[in-house]
Protein backbone atom coordinates (compact mmCIF):
# COMPACT_ATOMS: atom_id res chain seq x y z
CA MET A 1 -0.11 0.03 0.12
CA LYS A 2 1.34 3.33 -0.91
CA ARG A 3 1.74 5.98 1.77
CA VAL A 4 0.19 9.31 0.72
CA LEU A 5 1.26 13.07 2.06
CA ILE A 6 -1.87 15.36 0.84
CA VAL A 7 -0.73 19.14 0.75
CA ASP A 8 -3.45 21.59 -0.35
CA ASP A 9 -4.59 24.82 1.44
CA GLN A 10 -8.38 23.99 1.23
CA PRO A 11 -9.36 21.45 4.22
CA ALA A 12 -12.79 20.47 2.41
CA PHE A 13 -10.54 19.45 -0.73
CA ARG A 14 -8.29 17.69 1.73
CA THR A 15 -11.06 15.78 3.22
CA ARG A 16 -12.59 14.74 -0.23
CA LEU A 17 -9.08 13.45 -1.54
CA ARG A 18 -8.48 11.64 1.68
CA GLU A 19 -11.79 9.67 1.04
CA MET A 20 -10.95 9.07 -2.43
CA LEU A 21 -7.29 8.11 -1.80
CA THR A 22 -8.62 5.68 0.83
CA ARG A 23 -11.25 3.91 -1.48
CA ALA A 24 -8.35 3.65 -3.98
CA GLY A 25 -6.38 1.47 -1.64
CA LEU A 26 -3.88 4.22 -0.26
CA GLU A 27 -2.90 5.20 3.07
CA VAL A 28 -3.21 8.87 3.75
CA VAL A 29 -0.15 9.41 6.47
CA ALA A 30 -0.58 12.84 6.69
CA GLU A 31 -2.16 16.06 5.49
CA ALA A 32 -0.73 19.72 5.23
CA GLY A 33 -2.01 22.85 4.61
CA GLY A 34 1.16 24.23 3.02
CA ILE A 35 4.72 23.53 2.07
CA PRO A 36 5.94 24.39 5.58
CA GLU A 37 3.55 21.87 7.29
CA ALA A 38 4.64 19.31 4.63
CA GLU A 39 7.86 19.42 5.56
CA ALA A 40 7.56 19.23 8.97
CA ALA A 41 5.18 16.20 8.41
CA LEU A 42 7.87 14.56 6.41
CA THR A 43 10.23 14.63 9.38
CA THR A 44 7.71 12.32 11.27
CA VAL A 45 5.75 10.34 8.67
CA GLU A 46 7.01 7.98 5.95
CA ALA A 47 5.32 8.66 2.64
CA ASP A 48 6.01 7.43 -0.77
CA LEU A 49 3.69 9.72 -2.67
CA GLY A 50 2.83 13.48 -2.20
CA VAL A 51 -0.10 14.89 -3.76
CA VAL A 52 0.59 18.56 -3.96
CA ASP A 53 -1.54 21.61 -4.96
CA VAL A 54 0.13 24.00 -7.52
CA MET A 55 -1.69 27.16 -6.23
CA MET A 56 -1.22 27.84 -2.70
CA PRO A 57 -0.69 31.13 -0.85
CA GLY A 58 3.16 31.38 0.36
CA ILE A 59 5.12 28.78 -1.18
CA ASN A 60 3.34 27.10 -4.30
CA GLY A 61 3.59 23.58 -5.23
CA LEU A 62 5.99 24.12 -8.02
CA GLU A 63 8.64 25.58 -5.39
CA GLY A 64 7.55 23.45 -2.81
CA THR A 65 8.11 20.07 -4.75
CA ALA A 66 11.79 20.97 -4.96
CA ARG A 67 11.80 21.57 -1.09
CA LEU A 68 10.12 18.44 -0.45
CA LYS A 69 12.32 16.23 -2.96
CA LYS A 70 15.22 17.66 -1.02
CA LEU A 71 14.12 16.42 2.05
CA LYS A 72 13.08 13.14 0.56
CA PRO A 73 14.63 12.33 -2.83
CA GLU A 74 12.59 9.22 -3.55
CA LEU A 75 9.08 10.73 -2.91
CA ARG A 76 6.82 10.51 -5.77
CA ILE A 77 5.19 13.85 -6.34
CA ILE A 78 1.90 14.48 -8.30
CA LEU A 79 0.91 18.15 -8.76
CA ILE A 80 -2.74 19.09 -8.80
CA SER A 81 -4.54 22.19 -9.62
CA ALA A 82 -7.91 23.56 -10.03
CA LEU A 83 -6.58 25.92 -12.60
CA ALA A 84 -5.85 23.45 -15.77
CA ASP A 85 -6.63 25.64 -18.56
CA HIS A 86 -2.75 25.13 -19.96
CA PRO A 87 -2.13 21.85 -19.02
CA ALA A 88 0.79 21.44 -21.35
CA ASP A 89 2.48 24.37 -19.47
CA LEU A 90 1.64 23.02 -16.17
CA ARG A 91 3.13 19.74 -17.12
CA ALA A 92 6.20 21.15 -18.29
CA ALA A 93 6.61 23.34 -15.26
CA ALA A 94 5.65 20.31 -12.68
CA LEU A 95 8.44 18.12 -14.48
CA ARG A 96 11.07 21.13 -13.94
CA ALA A 97 10.34 21.38 -10.40
CA GLY A 98 10.85 17.66 -9.94
CA ALA A 99 7.16 15.99 -10.07
CA GLU A 100 6.28 13.06 -12.08
CA SER A 101 3.04 14.18 -13.27
CA PHE A 102 0.36 17.04 -12.98
CA VAL A 103 -3.59 16.34 -12.79
CA ALA A 104 -6.37 18.72 -12.96
CA LYS A 105 -8.48 18.40 -9.78
CA ASP A 106 -11.59 17.81 -11.78
CA ASP A 107 -9.83 14.61 -13.37
CA LEU A 108 -8.96 13.15 -9.85
CA VAL A 109 -11.38 9.94 -10.28
CA LEU A 110 -11.22 6.64 -8.35
CA ASP A 111 -9.82 4.71 -11.37
CA ARG A 112 -6.61 6.73 -11.68
CA LEU A 113 -6.20 6.92 -7.96
CA ARG A 114 -5.79 3.25 -7.88
CA THR A 115 -3.25 3.19 -10.57
CA TRP A 116 -1.07 5.33 -8.33
CA ALA A 117 -1.88 2.53 -5.65
CA ASP A 118 -0.29 -0.31 -7.78
CA ALA A 119 2.57 1.86 -9.41
CA PRO A 120 6.08 1.24 -8.77
CA ALA A 121 8.30 4.23 -8.52
CA GLY A 122 8.73 6.29 -11.70
CA PRO A 123 6.07 8.11 -14.00
CA ALA A 124 2.61 8.13 -12.65
CA PRO A 125 0.56 5.70 -15.03
CA ALA A 126 -1.50 7.61 -17.49
CA ALA A 127 -3.68 4.54 -18.57
CA GLY A 128 -7.54 5.30 -18.65
CA CYS A 129 -6.95 8.98 -18.38
CA GLY A 130 -8.37 10.36 -21.45
CA GLY A 131 -5.33 12.26 -22.08
CA LYS A 132 -5.81 14.63 -19.35
CA GLU A 133 -3.14 13.48 -17.01
CA THR A 134 0.16 14.29 -18.15
CA THR A 135 3.42 12.28 -17.43
CA SER A 136 6.80 12.10 -18.51
């Protein structure tokens, strides 16, 4: 089972995502409302996967990805955003930051999350995503 750290500044979204991830067979080990809180969480919990919002006050998800990877280089990071008008640009920025994938929040569905549970380290599977998830 993959252990997940959720990083999003919206508590209601974190709750919904936790429920979805749990149904998909992933274990949410911590939630954080921002990057500093996520950095602190990584010192006390073991996480295999970080699901990180791009648009957060203070340190955004792109900058935060590099910071989280510096603390835990093997952490797989999927960046998410409600603002997905330019997915190719977000994908390129996510990859430059060290994330392995970008997914629009509206495209987070149970089947996709299940692929994350079963995936080995490396790019997040894009199977069944209808072309909306972008990976390397």
